[in-house]
Amino acid sequence: MSAASLTFARSNGRPRRFAFDYVLLLAVSGILLLGLVMMTSASISIADKQQQDPLFFLVRQMYGVGFGVLGAMIMMSIPTAVWEKMAMPLLLVAFIFLVLVLIPGIGHEVNGSRRWLRAGIMNFQASELTRVLLLIYLCSYVVRKQGELKEELKGFLKPLGVLMGAAALLLMEPDFGAATVLVATGLGVLFLAGVKLRHFFALVAIAAAGMAVIAVTSAYRLKRLTAFMDPWADPFNSGFQLTQSLIAIGRGELFGVGLGSSVQKLFYLPEAHTDFVFAVLAEELGLVGVIVTLGLFILLVWRSFYISRLASEAGLAFQAYCAAAFGIWLAFQTFINVGVNMGILPTKGLTLPLMSYGGSSIMVTLGWLGFIMRIHHEAQTSGRLAVSRPARRERAESDE
């Protein structure tokens, strides 16, 4: 049975064909396929040297894609109301994961960071899943506490406390990049929920100041923050990774040097298949490839907000915030990764969604996209859009 013929039960018990968003599918498929090609190209040399198998990372990435597609299908089959009701247990699970990863013997340490849990043939990065669980809770909170959030400072401080608690645990791993993205996405959701602007900007300033203090009080983080300002001042030490990335991007020019012909991926550019896959893409496909790639990401972000608006029109507030949260996260993390590759932001160690190597990242992202697709289905089949749109048009005409 094809995916297009999947059926799901409506409240009256009669089956209804699943309402796929084909624009979303197109954008995701384009990014995913392009990512597999570029990740493979960037990893062939290092895979051959370390594992004696040029396609080692591609095979492992395909496992992640396979499990991610399975997760997306499962998420599409579960009503989103189930996740809304389970918001508090999911929050507890998120903090359990963040604590477990810090326990020696349970959390797996790589390059001085304890961010992973052993999961069979792969390591699972706990922050990927906990981010989604925390944002589901946050979206549930802003729906349940709408009045308190808009009128009282404590309504804003409660979810902010949850975000800061999670960020503190992430910093203990340490994972400054994941903590920054989580807090920024959470604040974006709270802003959309209508929190008072004076409360929002005051506490955003406090949060930003706190992150800045954390960054500058760590010699390691401070070194990374200052190195990006002038990487050529120390091109063989602190600025090495960024200078190699800039060389790769510069070599690409308009049409690139050709797929598979990158020089920088040949052990010059560290983490070429993870954090810096965008630089290899720019070198091999040039400005044209960069524009196409960014266009696909912009399309996916726009579609997420479009689905959020559909859900809002259908009266599905929780679902609308969840779709918007995905769009905010995707835009923010993509911006950071591309900015790091181009030297306009300090190195954060964040992957490019759906493109960089990382099984846990791609599994969770695809599962989250299945959730977004389910939101689209529920909004389209709710029966409320046909009522809300004419009413909105009538209001617009009366205003004219």
Protein backbone atom coordinates (compact mmCIF):
# COMPACT_ATOMS: atom_id res chain seq x y z
CA MET A 1 0.00 0.00 0.00
CA SER A 2 1.44 3.38 -0.96
CA ALA A 3 1.88 6.19 1.56
CA ALA A 4 -0.68 8.30 -0.32
CA SER A 5 -3.35 5.68 0.30
CA LEU A 6 -2.95 5.59 4.07
CA THR A 7 -6.23 6.21 5.84
CA PHE A 8 -7.00 7.46 9.31
CA ALA A 9 -10.23 7.42 11.27
CA ARG A 10 -12.28 10.57 11.76
CA SER A 11 -14.36 11.17 14.86
CA ASN A 12 -17.45 9.70 13.16
CA GLY A 13 -15.60 6.44 12.52
CA ARG A 14 -15.42 6.70 8.71
CA PRO A 15 -11.95 6.54 7.08
CA ARG A 16 -10.51 9.60 5.43
CA ARG A 17 -7.48 9.83 3.16
CA PHE A 18 -4.48 11.43 4.83
CA ALA A 19 -4.05 15.06 3.77
CA PHE A 20 -0.37 15.30 2.82
CA ASP A 21 1.31 18.66 2.31
CA TYR A 22 3.16 17.97 -0.92
CA VAL A 23 5.09 21.25 -0.82
CA LEU A 24 6.49 20.22 2.57
CA LEU A 25 7.33 16.78 1.19
CA LEU A 26 9.10 18.34 -1.79
CA ALA A 27 11.20 20.64 0.37
CA VAL A 28 12.15 17.90 2.84
CA SER A 29 12.97 15.41 0.07
CA GLY A 30 15.13 17.96 -1.75
CA ILE A 31 17.13 18.87 1.37
CA LEU A 32 17.46 15.23 2.44
CA LEU A 33 18.67 13.95 -0.93
CA LEU A 34 21.06 16.86 -1.42
CA GLY A 35 22.32 16.32 2.11
CA LEU A 36 23.00 12.62 1.53
CA VAL A 37 24.98 13.41 -1.62
CA MET A 38 27.04 16.19 -0.03
CA MET A 39 27.60 14.35 3.26
CA THR A 40 28.85 11.32 1.32
CA SER A 41 31.13 13.48 -0.81
CA ALA A 42 32.52 15.23 2.27
CA SER A 43 33.09 11.99 4.22
CA ILE A 44 34.56 9.61 1.62
CA SER A 45 38.21 10.40 2.37
CA ILE A 46 37.96 10.30 6.16
CA ALA A 47 35.77 7.18 6.05
CA ASP A 48 38.29 5.41 3.84
CA LYS A 49 41.16 6.36 6.14
CA GLN A 50 39.48 5.63 9.47
CA GLN A 51 37.15 2.75 8.59
CA GLN A 52 38.62 1.40 5.33
CA ASP A 53 35.16 1.87 3.83
CA PRO A 54 34.48 5.00 1.74
CA LEU A 55 30.72 4.67 2.25
CA PHE A 56 30.85 4.00 5.99
CA PHE A 57 29.17 7.27 6.99
CA LEU A 58 26.58 7.02 4.21
CA VAL A 59 25.46 3.59 5.43
CA ARG A 60 25.13 4.82 9.01
CA GLN A 61 23.31 7.94 7.85
CA MET A 62 20.88 5.76 5.89
CA TYR A 63 20.08 3.89 9.10
CA GLY A 64 19.19 7.25 10.64
CA VAL A 65 17.05 8.19 7.64
CA GLY A 66 15.27 4.83 7.72
CA PHE A 67 14.44 5.08 11.42
CA GLY A 68 13.53 8.73 10.94
CA VAL A 69 11.03 7.92 8.17
CA LEU A 70 9.55 5.19 10.37
CA GLY A 71 9.29 7.68 13.22
CA ALA A 72 7.61 10.20 10.90
CA MET A 73 5.01 7.60 9.86
CA ILE A 74 4.30 6.79 13.49
CA MET A 75 3.93 10.48 14.34
CA MET A 76 1.54 10.94 11.40
CA SER A 77 -0.68 8.17 12.75
CA ILE A 78 -1.02 9.57 16.29
CA PRO A 79 -3.52 12.41 16.96
CA THR A 80 -1.70 15.51 18.14
CA ALA A 81 -4.11 15.82 21.08
CA VAL A 82 -2.32 12.81 22.59
CA TRP A 83 0.94 14.74 22.77
CA GLU A 84 -0.82 17.78 24.22
CA LYS A 85 -2.27 15.67 27.05
CA MET A 86 1.14 14.09 27.72
CA ALA A 87 2.99 17.42 27.94
CA MET A 88 3.92 17.10 31.62
CA PRO A 89 5.18 13.48 31.41
CA LEU A 90 7.16 14.44 28.29
CA LEU A 91 8.77 17.31 30.22
CA LEU A 92 9.81 14.84 32.93
CA VAL A 93 11.26 12.47 30.31
CA ALA A 94 13.23 15.35 28.79
CA PHE A 95 14.91 16.19 32.10
CA ILE A 96 15.58 12.51 32.82
CA PHE A 97 17.47 12.27 29.52
CA LEU A 98 19.43 15.44 30.29
CA VAL A 99 20.46 14.04 33.69
CA LEU A 100 21.21 10.50 32.46
CA VAL A 101 23.67 11.74 29.86
CA LEU A 102 25.74 13.37 32.64
CA ILE A 103 26.10 10.16 34.68
CA PRO A 104 29.46 8.41 34.12
CA GLY A 105 28.94 4.94 32.69
CA ILE A 106 25.60 5.91 31.15
CA GLY A 107 26.49 9.04 29.24
CA HIS A 108 29.04 8.49 26.47
CA GLU A 109 31.88 11.00 26.21
CA VAL A 110 33.29 12.14 22.85
CA ASN A 111 35.93 14.87 22.48
CA GLY A 112 35.51 15.96 26.08
CA SER A 113 31.71 16.36 25.89
CA ARG A 114 29.23 13.99 27.51
CA ARG A 115 26.24 14.36 25.16
CA TRP A 116 25.44 10.83 24.00
CA LEU A 117 23.67 7.70 25.17
CA ARG A 118 24.59 4.28 23.81
CA ALA A 119 21.81 2.95 21.53
CA GLY A 120 22.88 -0.27 19.86
CA ILE A 121 24.95 0.42 16.76
CA MET A 122 24.90 4.18 17.29
CA ASN A 123 25.22 6.90 19.90
CA PHE A 124 22.06 8.90 20.53
CA GLN A 125 22.45 12.60 21.26
CA ALA A 126 20.00 13.31 24.08
CA SER A 127 19.68 17.03 23.38
CA GLU A 128 18.04 16.35 19.99
CA LEU A 129 15.04 14.58 21.52
CA THR A 130 14.83 16.67 24.68
CA ARG A 131 14.54 19.86 22.60
CA VAL A 132 11.37 18.54 20.92
CA LEU A 133 9.88 17.30 24.20
CA LEU A 134 10.56 20.61 25.94
CA LEU A 135 9.02 22.59 23.09
CA ILE A 136 5.91 20.38 23.08
CA TYR A 137 5.51 21.13 26.78
CA LEU A 138 6.06 24.85 26.15
CA CYS A 139 3.42 24.92 23.40
CA SER A 140 0.98 23.17 25.72
CA TYR A 141 1.77 25.66 28.50
CA VAL A 142 1.11 28.78 26.40
CA VAL A 143 -2.28 27.37 25.42
CA ARG A 144 -3.29 26.39 28.96
CA LYS A 145 -1.97 29.56 30.60
CA GLN A 146 -2.77 32.09 27.89
CA GLY A 147 -4.32 34.66 30.22
CA GLU A 148 -1.64 34.36 32.89
CA LEU A 149 1.11 34.55 30.28
CA LYS A 150 -0.23 37.78 28.79
CA GLU A 151 -1.12 39.56 32.01
CA GLU A 152 1.29 38.45 34.74
CA LEU A 153 5.07 38.32 34.94
CA LYS A 154 4.99 34.95 36.71
CA GLY A 155 3.20 33.50 33.71
CA PHE A 156 6.34 34.26 31.71
CA LEU A 157 8.83 33.32 34.44
CA LYS A 158 7.52 29.75 34.81
CA PRO A 159 8.31 28.55 31.28
CA LEU A 160 11.49 30.63 31.27
CA GLY A 161 12.59 28.76 34.40
CA VAL A 162 12.04 25.44 32.62
CA LEU A 163 14.11 26.62 29.65
CA MET A 164 16.91 27.89 31.87
CA GLY A 165 16.94 24.65 33.86
CA ALA A 166 17.31 22.62 30.67
CA ALA A 167 19.93 25.04 29.35
CA ALA A 168 21.94 24.66 32.57
CA LEU A 169 22.01 20.87 32.16
CA LEU A 170 23.04 21.26 28.52
CA LEU A 171 25.89 23.56 29.57
CA MET A 172 27.11 20.87 31.96
CA GLU A 173 27.66 18.46 29.04
CA PRO A 174 28.91 21.01 27.76
CA ASP A 175 26.76 21.99 24.76
CA PHE A 176 26.58 25.76 24.54
CA GLY A 177 25.16 25.72 21.01
CA ALA A 178 22.22 23.45 21.85
CA ALA A 179 21.45 25.51 24.96
CA THR A 180 21.44 28.73 22.94
CA VAL A 181 19.16 27.32 20.23
CA LEU A 182 16.73 25.87 22.80
CA VAL A 183 16.41 29.13 24.72
CA ALA A 184 16.08 31.21 21.55
CA THR A 185 13.38 28.91 20.10
CA GLY A 186 11.50 28.86 23.38
CA LEU A 187 11.56 32.64 23.62
CA GLY A 188 10.30 32.81 20.05
CA VAL A 189 7.30 30.67 20.97
CA LEU A 190 6.58 32.83 24.02
CA PHE A 191 6.77 35.95 21.86
CA LEU A 192 4.21 34.48 19.43
CA ALA A 193 2.00 33.58 22.38
CA GLY A 194 1.57 37.28 23.16
CA VAL A 195 3.66 37.84 26.26
CA LYS A 196 3.92 41.50 27.29
CA LEU A 197 6.71 43.14 25.35
CA ARG A 198 8.25 44.86 28.36
CA HIS A 199 8.45 41.51 30.16
CA PHE A 200 9.77 39.80 27.04
CA PHE A 201 12.54 42.25 26.17
CA ALA A 202 13.63 42.69 29.80
CA LEU A 203 14.03 38.97 30.34
CA VAL A 204 15.55 38.42 26.90
CA ALA A 205 18.20 40.96 27.87
CA ILE A 206 18.80 39.11 31.14
CA ALA A 207 19.02 35.76 29.35
CA ALA A 208 21.39 37.18 26.74
CA ALA A 209 23.57 38.72 29.45
CA GLY A 210 23.64 35.39 31.28
CA MET A 211 24.70 33.53 28.13
CA ALA A 212 27.37 36.17 27.48
CA VAL A 213 28.76 35.80 31.01
CA ILE A 214 28.83 32.01 30.64
CA ALA A 215 30.65 32.36 27.33
CA VAL A 216 33.34 34.80 28.46
CA THR A 217 34.04 33.10 31.80
CA SER A 218 35.11 29.91 30.02
CA ALA A 219 38.58 30.14 28.47
CA TYR A 220 37.63 27.55 25.83
CA ARG A 221 34.42 29.34 24.78
CA LEU A 222 36.09 32.76 24.89
CA LYS A 223 38.83 31.51 22.59
CA ARG A 224 36.24 30.27 20.09
CA LEU A 225 34.31 33.54 20.32
CA THR A 226 37.33 35.70 19.59
CA ALA A 227 38.92 33.44 16.97
CA PHE A 228 36.17 33.99 14.39
CA MET A 229 36.72 37.78 14.41
CA ASP A 230 40.16 37.37 12.82
CA PRO A 231 40.86 33.70 12.03
CA TRP A 232 43.87 34.67 9.88
CA ALA A 233 45.65 35.97 12.99
CA ASP A 234 46.22 32.34 14.03
CA PRO A 235 45.45 30.28 10.90
CA PHE A 236 47.20 27.12 12.12
CA ASN A 237 45.63 26.93 15.58
CA SER A 238 42.45 28.66 16.84
CA GLY A 239 41.53 29.97 13.39
CA PHE A 240 42.39 26.81 11.44
CA GLN A 241 38.88 25.41 11.00
CA LEU A 242 37.33 28.71 9.94
CA THR A 243 40.15 29.61 7.52
CA GLN A 244 39.79 26.23 5.82
CA SER A 245 36.02 26.75 5.58
CA LEU A 246 36.49 30.20 4.03
CA ILE A 247 39.01 28.81 1.54
CA ALA A 248 36.48 26.12 0.54
CA ILE A 249 33.68 28.65 0.05
CA GLY A 250 35.96 30.98 -1.90
CA ARG A 251 37.12 28.20 -4.24
CA GLY A 252 33.51 27.43 -5.20
CA GLU A 253 32.94 30.73 -7.01
CA LEU A 254 29.81 30.66 -9.21
CA PHE A 255 29.36 27.03 -10.30
CA GLY A 256 31.78 25.21 -8.00
CA VAL A 257 34.74 22.93 -8.69
CA GLY A 258 32.45 19.96 -9.39
CA LEU A 259 30.78 17.29 -7.29
CA GLY A 260 33.39 15.18 -5.53
CA SER A 261 36.26 17.52 -6.48
CA SER A 262 36.63 19.39 -3.20
CA VAL A 263 40.21 19.79 -2.00
CA GLN A 264 39.41 21.08 1.49
CA LYS A 265 37.60 17.88 2.47
CA LEU A 266 40.90 15.99 1.99
CA PHE A 267 41.84 16.32 5.69
CA TYR A 268 42.23 20.12 5.55
CA LEU A 269 38.76 20.99 6.85
CA PRO A 270 37.94 19.34 10.21
CA GLU A 271 34.39 18.00 10.66
CA ALA A 272 33.74 18.39 6.94
CA HIS A 273 30.84 15.90 6.96
CA THR A 274 29.19 17.24 10.14
CA ASP A 275 29.38 20.91 11.13
CA PHE A 276 31.04 22.11 7.90
CA VAL A 277 29.21 20.18 5.19
CA PHE A 278 27.88 23.53 3.92
CA ALA A 279 31.44 24.68 3.14
CA VAL A 280 32.06 21.54 1.06
CA LEU A 281 28.74 22.12 -0.73
CA ALA A 282 29.78 25.70 -1.52
CA GLU A 283 33.15 24.52 -2.84
CA GLU A 284 31.74 21.76 -5.05
CA LEU A 285 28.46 23.35 -6.22
CA GLY A 286 29.35 27.05 -6.00
CA LEU A 287 27.05 29.99 -5.46
CA VAL A 288 24.32 28.33 -7.53
CA GLY A 289 24.29 25.31 -5.22
CA VAL A 290 24.25 27.56 -2.15
CA ILE A 291 21.25 29.52 -3.47
CA VAL A 292 19.33 26.32 -4.25
CA THR A 293 20.11 24.89 -0.80
CA LEU A 294 19.11 28.04 1.08
CA GLY A 295 16.00 28.30 -1.11
CA LEU A 296 14.92 24.80 -0.01
CA PHE A 297 15.44 25.71 3.65
CA ILE A 298 13.48 28.94 3.24
CA LEU A 299 10.68 26.98 1.57
CA LEU A 300 10.57 24.52 4.47
CA VAL A 301 10.54 27.30 7.07
CA TRP A 302 7.79 29.16 5.20
CA ARG A 303 5.73 25.99 4.90
CA SER A 304 6.02 25.36 8.64
CA PHE A 305 4.59 28.80 9.37
CA TYR A 306 1.94 28.28 6.71
CA ILE A 307 0.82 25.08 8.44
CA SER A 308 0.91 26.95 11.75
CA ARG A 309 -1.48 29.53 10.30
CA LEU A 310 -3.78 26.79 8.96
CA ALA A 311 -3.92 25.20 12.39
CA SER A 312 -4.65 28.55 14.01
CA GLU A 313 -7.53 29.18 11.56
CA ALA A 314 -8.89 25.73 12.36
CA GLY A 315 -8.87 26.53 16.08
CA LEU A 316 -5.96 24.19 16.85
CA ALA A 317 -3.89 26.47 19.06
CA PHE A 318 -1.47 23.87 20.46
CA GLN A 319 -0.81 22.51 17.00
CA ALA A 320 -0.25 26.01 15.61
CA TYR A 321 2.42 26.76 18.21
CA CYS A 322 4.14 23.40 17.59
CA ALA A 323 4.38 24.05 13.84
CA ALA A 324 5.69 27.56 14.50
CA ALA A 325 8.24 26.18 16.99
CA PHE A 326 9.64 23.88 14.32
CA GLY A 327 9.91 26.77 11.86
CA ILE A 328 11.68 28.96 14.42
CA TRP A 329 14.12 26.20 15.38
CA LEU A 330 14.88 25.30 11.75
CA ALA A 331 15.48 28.92 10.73
CA PHE A 332 17.64 29.65 13.78
CA GLN A 333 19.83 26.54 13.59
CA THR A 334 20.29 26.82 9.82
CA PHE A 335 21.25 30.48 10.19
CA ILE A 336 23.80 29.63 12.88
CA ASN A 337 25.36 26.75 10.94
CA VAL A 338 25.66 28.75 7.71
CA GLY A 339 26.89 31.79 9.66
CA VAL A 340 29.60 29.72 11.34
CA ASN A 341 30.71 28.27 8.00
CA MET A 342 30.94 31.77 6.51
CA GLY A 343 32.74 33.27 9.50
CA ILE A 344 30.04 35.71 10.57
CA LEU A 345 29.31 33.80 13.81
CA PRO A 346 31.60 32.04 16.30
CA THR A 347 31.91 28.26 16.04
CA LYS A 348 29.02 26.57 17.84
CA GLY A 349 29.25 22.89 16.89
CA LEU A 350 25.71 22.82 15.49
CA THR A 351 24.77 20.64 12.54
CA LEU A 352 22.94 21.71 9.40
CA PRO A 353 19.46 20.12 9.76
CA LEU A 354 18.75 17.16 7.45
CA MET A 355 22.16 17.54 5.77
CA SER A 356 24.98 17.06 8.27
CA TYR A 357 26.05 13.60 9.40
CA GLY A 358 24.32 12.53 12.60
CA GLY A 359 21.83 9.73 13.07
CA SER A 360 20.07 11.08 16.15
CA SER A 361 19.67 14.53 14.59
CA ILE A 362 18.15 13.25 11.37
CA MET A 363 15.88 10.75 13.15
CA VAL A 364 14.43 13.35 15.50
CA THR A 365 14.06 15.98 12.76
CA LEU A 366 12.20 13.58 10.44
CA GLY A 367 10.00 12.45 13.33
CA TRP A 368 9.21 16.09 14.11
CA LEU A 369 8.35 16.66 10.46
CA GLY A 370 5.91 13.75 10.67
CA PHE A 371 4.30 15.60 13.58
CA ILE A 372 4.05 18.75 11.43
CA MET A 373 2.47 16.71 8.63
CA ARG A 374 -0.08 15.37 11.12
CA ILE A 375 -0.91 18.95 12.09
CA HIS A 376 -1.51 19.79 8.44
CA HIS A 377 -3.82 16.77 8.11
CA GLU A 378 -5.85 17.70 11.19
CA ALA A 379 -6.17 21.34 10.11
CA GLN A 380 -7.30 20.38 6.60
CA THR A 381 -9.79 17.77 7.79
CA SER A 382 -11.16 19.66 10.79
CA GLY A 383 -14.01 21.16 8.76
CA ARG A 384 -13.34 24.60 10.26
CA LEU A 385 -11.20 26.12 7.51
CA ALA A 386 -14.13 26.35 5.11
CA VAL A 387 -15.96 28.42 7.73
CA SER A 388 -13.10 30.59 8.92
CA ARG A 389 -11.81 31.73 5.53
CA PRO A 390 -15.06 33.23 4.18
CA ALA A 391 -15.59 34.98 7.50
CA ARG A 392 -12.12 36.47 7.30
CA ARG A 393 -12.72 37.65 3.74
CA GLU A 394 -15.99 39.27 4.79
CA ARG A 395 -14.23 41.15 7.59
CA ALA A 396 -11.54 42.32 5.19
CA GLU A 397 -14.14 43.57 2.69
CA SER A 398 -16.10 45.38 5.41
CA ASP A 399 -12.89 47.11 6.56
CA GLU A 400 -12.34 48.38 3.02
